[in-house]
Protein backbone atom coordinates (compact mmCIF):
# COMPACT_ATOMS: atom_id res chain seq x y z
CA MET A 1 24.14 26.69 13.13
CA ILE A 2 21.79 23.98 11.97
CA ARG A 3 19.48 24.60 9.04
CA PRO A 4 17.66 22.79 6.22
CA ALA A 5 19.89 21.86 3.29
CA THR A 6 19.58 23.73 0.00
CA ALA A 7 20.50 22.81 -3.55
CA ASP A 8 23.56 25.10 -3.24
CA ASP A 9 24.85 22.79 -0.48
CA LEU A 10 24.93 19.69 -2.70
CA PRO A 11 28.58 19.82 -3.86
CA ARG A 12 29.82 20.16 -0.28
CA LEU A 13 27.42 17.49 1.01
CA ARG A 14 28.53 15.05 -1.69
CA ALA A 15 32.18 15.70 -0.78
CA ILE A 16 31.46 15.03 2.91
CA GLN A 17 29.47 11.91 1.99
CA VAL A 18 32.21 10.38 -0.17
CA ALA A 19 35.01 11.22 2.27
CA SER A 20 33.16 10.12 5.41
CA LEU A 21 31.12 7.00 4.63
CA SER A 22 32.41 3.56 3.67
CA GLU A 23 29.19 2.79 1.78
CA PRO A 24 27.55 6.11 0.81
CA TRP A 25 23.99 5.89 -0.52
CA ASP A 26 24.50 6.85 -4.16
CA GLY A 27 21.83 9.25 -5.40
CA LEU A 28 20.37 9.93 -1.94
CA LEU A 29 21.21 13.60 -1.58
CA GLU A 30 19.99 15.11 -4.84
CA PRO A 31 16.29 14.19 -4.60
CA ALA A 32 16.31 14.50 -0.80
CA ILE A 33 16.94 18.26 -0.89
CA ASP A 34 13.38 18.89 -2.13
CA GLY A 35 11.82 16.29 0.18
CA PRO A 36 10.10 14.29 1.44
CA PRO A 37 13.26 13.20 3.27
CA VAL A 38 14.38 15.70 5.88
CA VAL A 39 17.93 16.95 5.24
CA LEU A 40 19.57 19.17 7.84
CA VAL A 41 23.10 20.56 7.77
CA VAL A 42 25.36 21.81 10.51
CA THR A 43 27.48 24.72 9.33
CA ASP A 44 30.77 26.37 10.19
CA GLU A 45 31.29 30.05 10.90
CA ALA A 46 31.05 30.89 7.16
CA ASP A 47 27.70 29.02 6.84
CA GLU A 48 29.39 26.23 4.87
CA PRO A 49 28.08 22.73 5.64
CA SER A 50 30.41 20.71 7.86
CA GLY A 51 27.98 17.84 8.29
CA TYR A 52 24.53 16.61 7.36
CA ALA A 53 21.77 14.19 8.29
CA VAL A 54 19.12 12.64 6.04
CA ALA A 55 15.95 11.10 7.51
CA ILE A 56 13.40 9.28 5.37
CA PRO A 57 9.79 9.27 6.62
CA GLN A 58 8.08 5.87 6.93
CA ASP A 59 4.63 6.27 8.49
CA ALA A 60 5.16 7.13 12.20
CA VAL A 61 8.83 6.14 11.98
CA ALA A 62 11.68 7.99 10.29
CA TYR A 63 14.81 6.21 9.10
CA LEU A 64 18.18 7.93 9.51
CA ALA A 65 19.68 7.11 6.11
CA GLU A 66 22.96 8.99 6.62
CA LEU A 67 24.68 11.20 9.16
CA ALA A 68 28.16 12.47 8.35
CA VAL A 69 30.50 15.14 9.69
CA ALA A 70 33.57 16.34 7.78
CA ALA A 71 36.85 14.98 9.17
CA GLY A 72 38.13 18.39 10.25
CA HIS A 73 35.06 18.95 12.43
CA ARG A 74 34.62 15.59 14.16
CA GLY A 75 34.80 15.49 17.94
CA GLU A 76 33.35 19.00 18.27
CA GLY A 77 29.79 17.90 19.10
CA ARG A 78 28.44 18.77 15.65
CA GLY A 79 27.05 15.29 15.03
CA SER A 80 25.25 15.23 18.38
CA ARG A 81 23.79 18.73 17.84
CA LEU A 82 22.71 17.78 14.34
CA LEU A 83 21.08 14.56 15.56
CA ALA A 84 19.29 16.40 18.40
CA ALA A 85 17.95 19.02 15.96
CA LEU A 86 16.80 16.29 13.59
CA CYS A 87 15.00 14.46 16.41
CA ASP A 88 13.32 17.70 17.52
CA ARG A 89 12.17 18.40 13.96
CA LEU A 90 10.84 14.87 13.45
CA ALA A 91 9.02 14.91 16.80
CA ALA A 92 7.42 18.26 15.91
CA ASP A 93 6.30 16.69 12.61
CA GLY A 94 4.57 13.89 14.55
CA PHE A 95 7.05 11.03 14.15
CA GLU A 96 7.21 8.58 17.05
CA ARG A 97 10.61 6.95 16.51
CA LEU A 98 13.87 7.35 14.61
CA GLU A 99 15.58 4.17 13.40
CA LEU A 100 18.93 3.48 11.78
CA THR A 101 21.25 0.64 10.94
CA VAL A 102 24.89 0.44 11.93
CA ARG A 103 27.60 -2.14 11.44
CA ALA A 104 27.67 -4.51 14.40
CA ASP A 105 31.46 -4.19 14.68
CA ASP A 106 31.58 -0.36 14.45
CA GLU A 107 32.11 0.44 18.12
CA ARG A 108 32.66 4.16 17.54
CA ALA A 109 29.30 4.55 15.77
CA ARG A 110 27.54 2.33 18.30
CA ASP A 111 28.96 4.39 21.18
CA PHE A 112 27.87 7.63 19.47
CA TYR A 113 24.30 6.45 18.97
CA ASP A 114 24.13 4.92 22.46
CA ALA A 115 25.20 8.27 23.93
CA ASN A 116 22.45 9.92 21.88
CA GLY A 117 19.61 7.78 23.19
CA PHE A 118 19.46 4.90 20.70
CA ALA A 119 19.01 1.28 21.76
CA GLU A 120 19.50 -1.96 19.87
CA GLN A 121 16.26 -3.39 18.49
CA GLU A 122 17.40 -6.23 16.27
CA ARG A 123 20.50 -7.98 14.92
CA LEU A 124 20.69 -8.07 11.13
CA PRO A 125 22.98 -10.89 9.95
CA ASP A 126 24.53 -10.24 6.53
CA HIS A 127 22.96 -6.75 6.36
CA TYR A 128 26.17 -5.33 4.94
CA GLU A 129 28.22 -6.96 2.19
CA ASP A 130 31.01 -7.68 4.67
CA GLY A 131 29.14 -8.34 7.89
CA ALA A 132 26.26 -8.01 10.28
CA GLY A 133 24.33 -4.91 11.15
CA LEU A 134 22.20 -3.72 14.03
CA LEU A 135 18.88 -1.91 13.92
CA LEU A 136 18.90 0.88 16.50
CA ALA A 137 15.97 3.09 17.50
CA ARG A 138 15.22 6.12 19.61
CA PRO A 139 11.77 7.29 20.69
CA LEU A 140 10.93 10.87 19.76
CA GLN A 141 9.28 13.08 22.36
CA ASN A 142 6.50 15.47 21.31
C-alpha cells in the first residue's frame, strides 16, 4: 500500500534513509511530514514503511529530493509503484514536471529512472562532492 507519511513513520524512514543513501539529506524528513513537501511511503503487509519518496514543490515543477527502499524490499517493484503514485499525486495537484538529480556514474539509478519515464536534461559537473551529476525530468500528465 502507498499512503502519506505520518509522524509515527519518522523513526523507520530515518533508518531507511541512513541505510540506503550515500548522502542523505540531513533534516529533510522531520519538517517534510507536515508539508509543503509531499512525502509518500510504501508499506509492507504490517503497514510498516519499506520505502519513501519526498518531493519538494517549486512553482509548476516538483523536485524529487529522495526516494529510498529498504534493502530487504528492493527489486520487488516498490520503488516504481511509489514513484508512479507520487507522479499521479503531483499531476493531480497541478504540477507539470518532476525533476531530480542523480550521480552521472550511478548506472543502476539512471536505469531505474529511465525505465520510469525520466530523461536527461542537463549535465551538472561537480554537483556531488566526488563527481558529476545529471538533472533528469519527467513530464506529469493531468
